Amino acid sequence: MIKRSICVLVVFVLVQKIGFAQDQFFQQLSGAAIDLTKTVVQYDPAYFVIPYPNGDVPANKGVCTDVIIRAYRKLGIDLQKEVHEDMKKNFALYPKNWGLKKTDTNIDHRRVPNLMTYFSRFGSVLKKSTDANDYQPGDIVTWNLGGGIGHIGIVINKKSDDGKRWLIVHNIGRGQEISDCIFQFVITGHYRYKK
């Protein structure tokens, strides 16, 4: 009986530590996203030839996906490499929106549908809801802006002025910014990803 109680206690402590480490990671991701808003970035959807791995477009340029890529990179996760490696092995599982016949390390990770596929495969796919309580800092949210235009952002640990919603770091054309926009567009995906 004592051994069983000790085992239960050890499992409980381990679960608590794992939960704390997970929460700490997502808080750090939130902080990394907030830090990005201190850099002036011009919205620029141009195709750039970039190094691989750990390549990035010029620091003063970017789109919504670059916010995600740069925030994760601050925590040592290179989504350029991760997405490329998975696409190389599982190309048929990724969208064919661009008519590509093979991977492209310059752009694949910079496309919202590809990140959605990657997060669906390796992260947690969470409920798409209009209840603010279903979201937490570090979550990734995708939207349809209309006309089939996808968008992506990171939930951060700052609340809206009325205290009801978490804010989002994204780039919707005005550079890397913090916005109260989680329910402004149609949500198409909700993910939690930690490598």
C-alpha atoms as a PDB file:
ATOM      1  CA  MET A   1       0.000   0.000   0.000  1.00  0.00           C
ATOM      2  CA  ILE A   2       2.853   2.398   0.862  1.00  0.00           C
ATOM      3  CA  LYS A   3       4.665   1.550  -2.407  1.00  0.00           C
ATOM      4  CA  ARG A   4       1.484   2.258  -4.376  1.00  0.00           C
ATOM      5  CA  SER A   5       1.031   5.604  -2.613  1.00  0.00           C
ATOM      6  CA  ILE A   6       4.637   6.549  -3.354  1.00  0.00           C
ATOM      7  CA  CYS A   7       4.171   5.587  -7.031  1.00  0.00           C
ATOM      8  CA  VAL A   8       1.005   7.688  -7.272  1.00  0.00           C
ATOM      9  CA  LEU A   9       2.804  10.628  -5.645  1.00  0.00           C
ATOM     10  CA  VAL A  10       5.785  10.322  -8.029  1.00  0.00           C
ATOM     11  CA  VAL A  11       3.474  10.212 -11.060  1.00  0.00           C
ATOM     12  CA  PHE A  12       1.558  13.234  -9.751  1.00  0.00           C
ATOM     13  CA  VAL A  13       4.787  15.230  -9.264  1.00  0.00           C
ATOM     14  CA  LEU A  14       6.042  14.282 -12.741  1.00  0.00           C
ATOM     15  CA  VAL A  15       2.753  15.304 -14.357  1.00  0.00           C
ATOM     16  CA  GLN A  16       2.907  18.641 -12.515  1.00  0.00           C
ATOM     17  CA  LYS A  17       6.498  19.246 -13.675  1.00  0.00           C
ATOM     18  CA  ILE A  18       5.663  18.358 -17.282  1.00  0.00           C
ATOM     19  CA  GLY A  19       2.628  20.659 -17.185  1.00  0.00           C
ATOM     20  CA  PHE A  20       4.753  23.488 -15.757  1.00  0.00           C
ATOM     21  CA  ALA A  21       7.443  22.973 -18.421  1.00  0.00           C
ATOM     22  CA  GLN A  22       4.792  22.998 -21.174  1.00  0.00           C
ATOM     23  CA  ASP A  23       3.212  26.166 -19.765  1.00  0.00           C
ATOM     24  CA  GLN A  24       6.654  27.773 -19.431  1.00  0.00           C
ATOM     25  CA  PHE A  25       7.455  26.997 -23.079  1.00  0.00           C
ATOM     26  CA  PHE A  26       4.232  28.613 -24.300  1.00  0.00           C
ATOM     27  CA  GLN A  27       4.788  31.646 -22.064  1.00  0.00           C
ATOM     28  CA  GLN A  28       8.260  31.977 -23.616  1.00  0.00           C
ATOM     29  CA  LEU A  29       6.737  31.679 -27.090  1.00  0.00           C
ATOM     30  CA  SER A  30       4.295  34.440 -26.177  1.00  0.00           C
ATOM     31  CA  GLY A  31       7.194  36.590 -24.961  1.00  0.00           C
ATOM     32  CA  ALA A  32       9.172  35.907 -28.140  1.00  0.00           C
ATOM     33  CA  ALA A  33       6.190  37.021 -30.242  1.00  0.00           C
ATOM     34  CA  ILE A  34       5.822  40.210 -28.193  1.00  0.00           C
ATOM     35  CA  ASP A  35       9.549  40.941 -28.646  1.00  0.00           C
ATOM     36  CA  LEU A  36       9.078  40.777 -32.409  1.00  0.00           C
ATOM     37  CA  THR A  37       6.745  43.776 -32.282  1.00  0.00           C
ATOM     38  CA  LYS A  38       9.684  45.954 -31.180  1.00  0.00           C
ATOM     39  CA  THR A  39      11.256  45.574 -34.647  1.00  0.00           C
ATOM     40  CA  VAL A  40       9.921  47.671 -37.512  1.00  0.00           C
ATOM     41  CA  VAL A  41       8.929  45.306 -40.303  1.00  0.00           C
ATOM     42  CA  GLN A  42       7.433  46.227 -43.652  1.00  0.00           C
ATOM     43  CA  TYR A  43       4.837  43.796 -44.971  1.00  0.00           C
ATOM     44  CA  ASP A  44       6.460  42.234 -48.018  1.00  0.00           C
ATOM     45  CA  PRO A  45       5.122  39.019 -49.602  1.00  0.00           C
ATOM     46  CA  ALA A  46       7.937  38.852 -52.168  1.00  0.00           C
ATOM     47  CA  TYR A  47       9.743  35.601 -52.842  1.00  0.00           C
ATOM     48  CA  PHE A  48      13.215  35.674 -51.287  1.00  0.00           C
ATOM     49  CA  VAL A  49      16.073  33.241 -51.799  1.00  0.00           C
ATOM     50  CA  ILE A  50      17.263  32.480 -48.267  1.00  0.00           C
ATOM     51  CA  PRO A  51      19.851  30.180 -46.685  1.00  0.00           C
ATOM     52  CA  TYR A  52      18.865  26.727 -45.446  1.00  0.00           C
ATOM     53  CA  PRO A  53      18.574  25.809 -42.618  1.00  0.00           C
ATOM     54  CA  ASN A  54      17.878  28.794 -40.312  1.00  0.00           C
ATOM     55  CA  GLY A  55      17.239  31.091 -43.259  1.00  0.00           C
ATOM     56  CA  ASP A  56      15.153  34.228 -42.917  1.00  0.00           C
ATOM     57  CA  VAL A  57      13.961  36.993 -45.170  1.00  0.00           C
ATOM     58  CA  PRO A  58      15.537  40.429 -44.494  1.00  0.00           C
ATOM     59  CA  ALA A  59      14.892  41.422 -40.862  1.00  0.00           C
ATOM     60  CA  ASN A  60      12.891  44.507 -41.862  1.00  0.00           C
ATOM     61  CA  LYS A  61      10.517  42.545 -44.114  1.00  0.00           C
ATOM     62  CA  GLY A  62       7.989  39.780 -43.651  1.00  0.00           C
ATOM     63  CA  VAL A  63       4.443  38.451 -43.665  1.00  0.00           C
ATOM     64  CA  CYS A  64       2.214  36.737 -41.108  1.00  0.00           C
ATOM     65  CA  THR A  65       4.018  33.402 -41.338  1.00  0.00           C
ATOM     66  CA  ASP A  66       7.351  35.088 -40.627  1.00  0.00           C
ATOM     67  CA  VAL A  67       5.988  36.091 -37.200  1.00  0.00           C
ATOM     68  CA  ILE A  68       5.461  32.423 -36.373  1.00  0.00           C
ATOM     69  CA  ILE A  69       8.813  31.360 -37.828  1.00  0.00           C
ATOM     70  CA  ARG A  70      10.736  34.073 -35.996  1.00  0.00           C
ATOM     71  CA  ALA A  71       9.021  33.489 -32.649  1.00  0.00           C
ATOM     72  CA  TYR A  72       9.753  29.745 -32.736  1.00  0.00           C
ATOM     73  CA  ARG A  73      13.301  30.392 -33.897  1.00  0.00           C
ATOM     74  CA  LYS A  74      13.874  32.517 -30.761  1.00  0.00           C
ATOM     75  CA  LEU A  75      13.177  29.274 -28.835  1.00  0.00           C
ATOM     76  CA  GLY A  76      15.548  27.206 -30.971  1.00  0.00           C
ATOM     77  CA  ILE A  77      12.965  25.658 -33.314  1.00  0.00           C
ATOM     78  CA  ASP A  78      13.629  26.118 -37.035  1.00  0.00           C
ATOM     79  CA  LEU A  79      10.293  25.706 -38.810  1.00  0.00           C
ATOM     80  CA  GLN A  80      12.010  26.167 -42.164  1.00  0.00           C
ATOM     81  CA  LYS A  81      13.929  22.940 -41.543  1.00  0.00           C
ATOM     82  CA  GLU A  82      11.079  21.110 -39.771  1.00  0.00           C
ATOM     83  CA  VAL A  83       8.504  21.841 -42.490  1.00  0.00           C
ATOM     84  CA  HIS A  84      10.975  21.076 -45.280  1.00  0.00           C
ATOM     85  CA  GLU A  85      11.984  17.711 -43.828  1.00  0.00           C
ATOM     86  CA  ASP A  86       8.376  16.653 -43.390  1.00  0.00           C
ATOM     87  CA  MET A  87       7.333  17.902 -46.817  1.00  0.00           C
ATOM     88  CA  LYS A  88      10.235  16.051 -48.408  1.00  0.00           C
ATOM     89  CA  LYS A  89       9.075  12.762 -46.858  1.00  0.00           C
ATOM     90  CA  ASN A  90       5.319  13.410 -47.131  1.00  0.00           C
ATOM     91  CA  PHE A  91       4.869  15.809 -50.050  1.00  0.00           C
ATOM     92  CA  ALA A  92       1.469  14.331 -50.973  1.00  0.00           C
ATOM     93  CA  LEU A  93       0.039  15.345 -47.570  1.00  0.00           C
ATOM     94  CA  TYR A  94       0.667  19.057 -48.151  1.00  0.00           C
ATOM     95  CA  PRO A  95      -1.592  21.414 -50.152  1.00  0.00           C
ATOM     96  CA  LYS A  96      -0.997  21.754 -53.877  1.00  0.00           C
ATOM     97  CA  ASN A  97      -2.252  25.360 -54.064  1.00  0.00           C
ATOM     98  CA  TRP A  98       0.838  26.578 -55.914  1.00  0.00           C
ATOM     99  CA  GLY A  99       1.283  23.814 -58.490  1.00  0.00           C
ATOM    100  CA  LEU A 100       4.658  22.787 -57.102  1.00  0.00           C
ATOM    101  CA  LYS A 101       6.043  19.368 -57.920  1.00  0.00           C
ATOM    102  CA  LYS A 102       8.751  19.436 -55.222  1.00  0.00           C
ATOM    103  CA  THR A 103       9.721  21.268 -52.062  1.00  0.00           C
ATOM    104  CA  ASP A 104      11.214  24.763 -51.974  1.00  0.00           C
ATOM    105  CA  THR A 105      13.194  25.664 -48.826  1.00  0.00           C
ATOM    106  CA  ASN A 106      12.806  29.366 -49.629  1.00  0.00           C
ATOM    107  CA  ILE A 107       9.016  29.528 -49.351  1.00  0.00           C
ATOM    108  CA  ASP A 108       7.307  26.298 -48.182  1.00  0.00           C
ATOM    109  CA  HIS A 109       7.423  27.228 -44.477  1.00  0.00           C
ATOM    110  CA  ARG A 110       6.180  30.748 -45.279  1.00  0.00           C
ATOM    111  CA  ARG A 111       2.764  29.542 -46.495  1.00  0.00           C
ATOM    112  CA  VAL A 112      -0.170  29.385 -44.081  1.00  0.00           C
ATOM    113  CA  PRO A 113      -1.677  26.122 -45.445  1.00  0.00           C
ATOM    114  CA  ASN A 114       1.701  24.385 -45.111  1.00  0.00           C
ATOM    115  CA  LEU A 115       2.092  25.524 -41.492  1.00  0.00           C
ATOM    116  CA  MET A 116      -1.475  24.369 -40.789  1.00  0.00           C
ATOM    117  CA  THR A 117      -0.623  20.946 -42.195  1.00  0.00           C
ATOM    118  CA  TYR A 118       2.612  20.754 -40.233  1.00  0.00           C
ATOM    119  CA  PHE A 119       0.991  21.817 -36.930  1.00  0.00           C
ATOM    120  CA  SER A 120      -1.848  19.338 -37.554  1.00  0.00           C
ATOM    121  CA  ARG A 121       0.670  16.544 -37.974  1.00  0.00           C
ATOM    122  CA  PHE A 122       3.034  17.353 -35.108  1.00  0.00           C
ATOM    123  CA  GLY A 123       1.131  19.575 -32.686  1.00  0.00           C
ATOM    124  CA  SER A 124      -2.221  19.493 -30.979  1.00  0.00           C
ATOM    125  CA  VAL A 125      -5.244  20.417 -33.067  1.00  0.00           C
ATOM    126  CA  LEU A 126      -7.564  22.324 -30.760  1.00  0.00           C
ATOM    127  CA  LYS A 127     -11.173  23.397 -30.933  1.00  0.00           C
ATOM    128  CA  LYS A 128     -12.023  26.284 -33.266  1.00  0.00           C
ATOM    129  CA  SER A 129     -14.436  28.233 -31.140  1.00  0.00           C
ATOM    130  CA  THR A 130     -15.688  31.702 -30.369  1.00  0.00           C
ATOM    131  CA  ASP A 131     -15.156  31.168 -26.639  1.00  0.00           C
ATOM    132  CA  ALA A 132     -12.114  33.157 -25.488  1.00  0.00           C
ATOM    133  CA  ASN A 133     -11.532  30.622 -22.688  1.00  0.00           C
ATOM    134  CA  ASP A 134     -10.584  27.985 -25.276  1.00  0.00           C
ATOM    135  CA  TYR A 135      -7.391  29.883 -26.163  1.00  0.00           C
ATOM    136  CA  GLN A 136      -4.201  30.359 -24.211  1.00  0.00           C
ATOM    137  CA  PRO A 137      -0.886  32.174 -24.687  1.00  0.00           C
ATOM    138  CA  GLY A 138       1.365  30.366 -27.154  1.00  0.00           C
ATOM    139  CA  ASP A 139      -1.515  28.980 -29.210  1.00  0.00           C
ATOM    140  CA  ILE A 140      -1.368  29.397 -32.977  1.00  0.00           C
ATOM    141  CA  VAL A 141      -4.546  30.567 -34.711  1.00  0.00           C
ATOM    142  CA  THR A 142      -5.282  30.680 -38.439  1.00  0.00           C
ATOM    143  CA  TRP A 143      -8.033  32.607 -40.178  1.00  0.00           C
ATOM    144  CA  ASN A 144      -9.669  33.057 -43.561  1.00  0.00           C
ATOM    145  CA  LEU A 145      -9.591  36.777 -44.370  1.00  0.00           C
ATOM    146  CA  GLY A 146     -12.021  36.238 -47.248  1.00  0.00           C
ATOM    147  CA  GLY A 147     -11.385  35.311 -50.831  1.00  0.00           C
ATOM    148  CA  GLY A 148      -9.357  32.285 -49.739  1.00  0.00           C
ATOM    149  CA  ILE A 149      -6.643  34.422 -48.143  1.00  0.00           C
ATOM    150  CA  GLY A 150      -5.162  32.637 -45.135  1.00  0.00           C
ATOM    151  CA  HIS A 151      -3.690  34.368 -42.104  1.00  0.00           C
ATOM    152  CA  ILE A 152      -1.837  33.201 -38.970  1.00  0.00           C
ATOM    153  CA  GLY A 153      -0.898  34.641 -35.586  1.00  0.00           C
ATOM    154  CA  ILE A 154       0.212  33.781 -32.047  1.00  0.00           C
ATOM    155  CA  VAL A 155      -1.922  34.226 -28.942  1.00  0.00           C
ATOM    156  CA  ILE A 156       0.013  36.206 -26.320  1.00  0.00           C
ATOM    157  CA  ASN A 157      -0.275  36.668 -22.563  1.00  0.00           C
ATOM    158  CA  LYS A 158      -1.776  40.148 -22.753  1.00  0.00           C
ATOM    159  CA  LYS A 159      -5.524  40.770 -22.646  1.00  0.00           C
ATOM    160  CA  SER A 160      -7.852  43.057 -24.553  1.00  0.00           C
ATOM    161  CA  ASP A 161      -8.828  46.376 -22.936  1.00  0.00           C
ATOM    162  CA  ASP A 162     -12.013  44.807 -21.570  1.00  0.00           C
ATOM    163  CA  GLY A 163     -10.041  41.827 -20.208  1.00  0.00           C
ATOM    164  CA  LYS A 164     -12.133  39.277 -22.116  1.00  0.00           C
ATOM    165  CA  ARG A 165      -9.774  38.086 -24.869  1.00  0.00           C
ATOM    166  CA  TRP A 166      -6.106  37.289 -25.304  1.00  0.00           C
ATOM    167  CA  LEU A 167      -4.343  39.509 -27.826  1.00  0.00           C
ATOM    168  CA  ILE A 168      -2.610  38.305 -30.998  1.00  0.00           C
ATOM    169  CA  VAL A 169       0.801  39.046 -32.499  1.00  0.00           C
ATOM    170  CA  HIS A 170       0.590  38.921 -36.284  1.00  0.00           C
ATOM    171  CA  ASN A 171       1.420  40.822 -39.474  1.00  0.00           C
ATOM    172  CA  ILE A 172      -1.652  41.649 -41.476  1.00  0.00           C
ATOM    173  CA  GLY A 173      -0.054  44.358 -43.588  1.00  0.00           C
ATOM    174  CA  ARG A 174       1.143  46.857 -40.996  1.00  0.00           C
ATOM    175  CA  GLY A 175       4.185  44.974 -39.751  1.00  0.00           C
ATOM    176  CA  GLN A 176       4.552  42.806 -36.641  1.00  0.00           C
ATOM    177  CA  GLU A 177       1.903  44.106 -34.251  1.00  0.00           C
ATOM    178  CA  ILE A 178      -0.256  43.276 -31.252  1.00  0.00           C
ATOM    179  CA  SER A 179      -3.985  43.299 -32.009  1.00  0.00           C
ATOM    180  CA  ASP A 180      -7.320  42.469 -30.431  1.00  0.00           C
ATOM    181  CA  CYS A 181      -8.425  40.412 -33.440  1.00  0.00           C
ATOM    182  CA  ILE A 182      -8.892  36.801 -32.379  1.00  0.00           C
ATOM    183  CA  PHE A 183     -12.569  36.800 -33.391  1.00  0.00           C
ATOM    184  CA  GLN A 184     -12.363  39.438 -36.111  1.00  0.00           C
ATOM    185  CA  PHE A 185     -12.049  36.862 -38.911  1.00  0.00           C
ATOM    186  CA  VAL A 186     -13.256  33.310 -39.566  1.00  0.00           C
ATOM    187  CA  ILE A 187     -11.040  30.931 -37.578  1.00  0.00           C
ATOM    188  CA  THR A 188      -9.802  28.030 -39.715  1.00  0.00           C
ATOM    189  CA  GLY A 189      -7.330  26.441 -37.302  1.00  0.00           C
ATOM    190  CA  HIS A 190      -6.238  26.399 -33.670  1.00  0.00           C
ATOM    191  CA  TYR A 191      -2.998  24.632 -32.718  1.00  0.00           C
ATOM    192  CA  ARG A 192      -0.548  24.156 -29.887  1.00  0.00           C
ATOM    193  CA  TYR A 193       2.919  23.128 -31.000  1.00  0.00           C
ATOM    194  CA  LYS A 194       6.022  22.311 -29.019  1.00  0.00           C
ATOM    195  CA  LYS A 195       8.683  20.223 -30.713  1.00  0.00           C
END
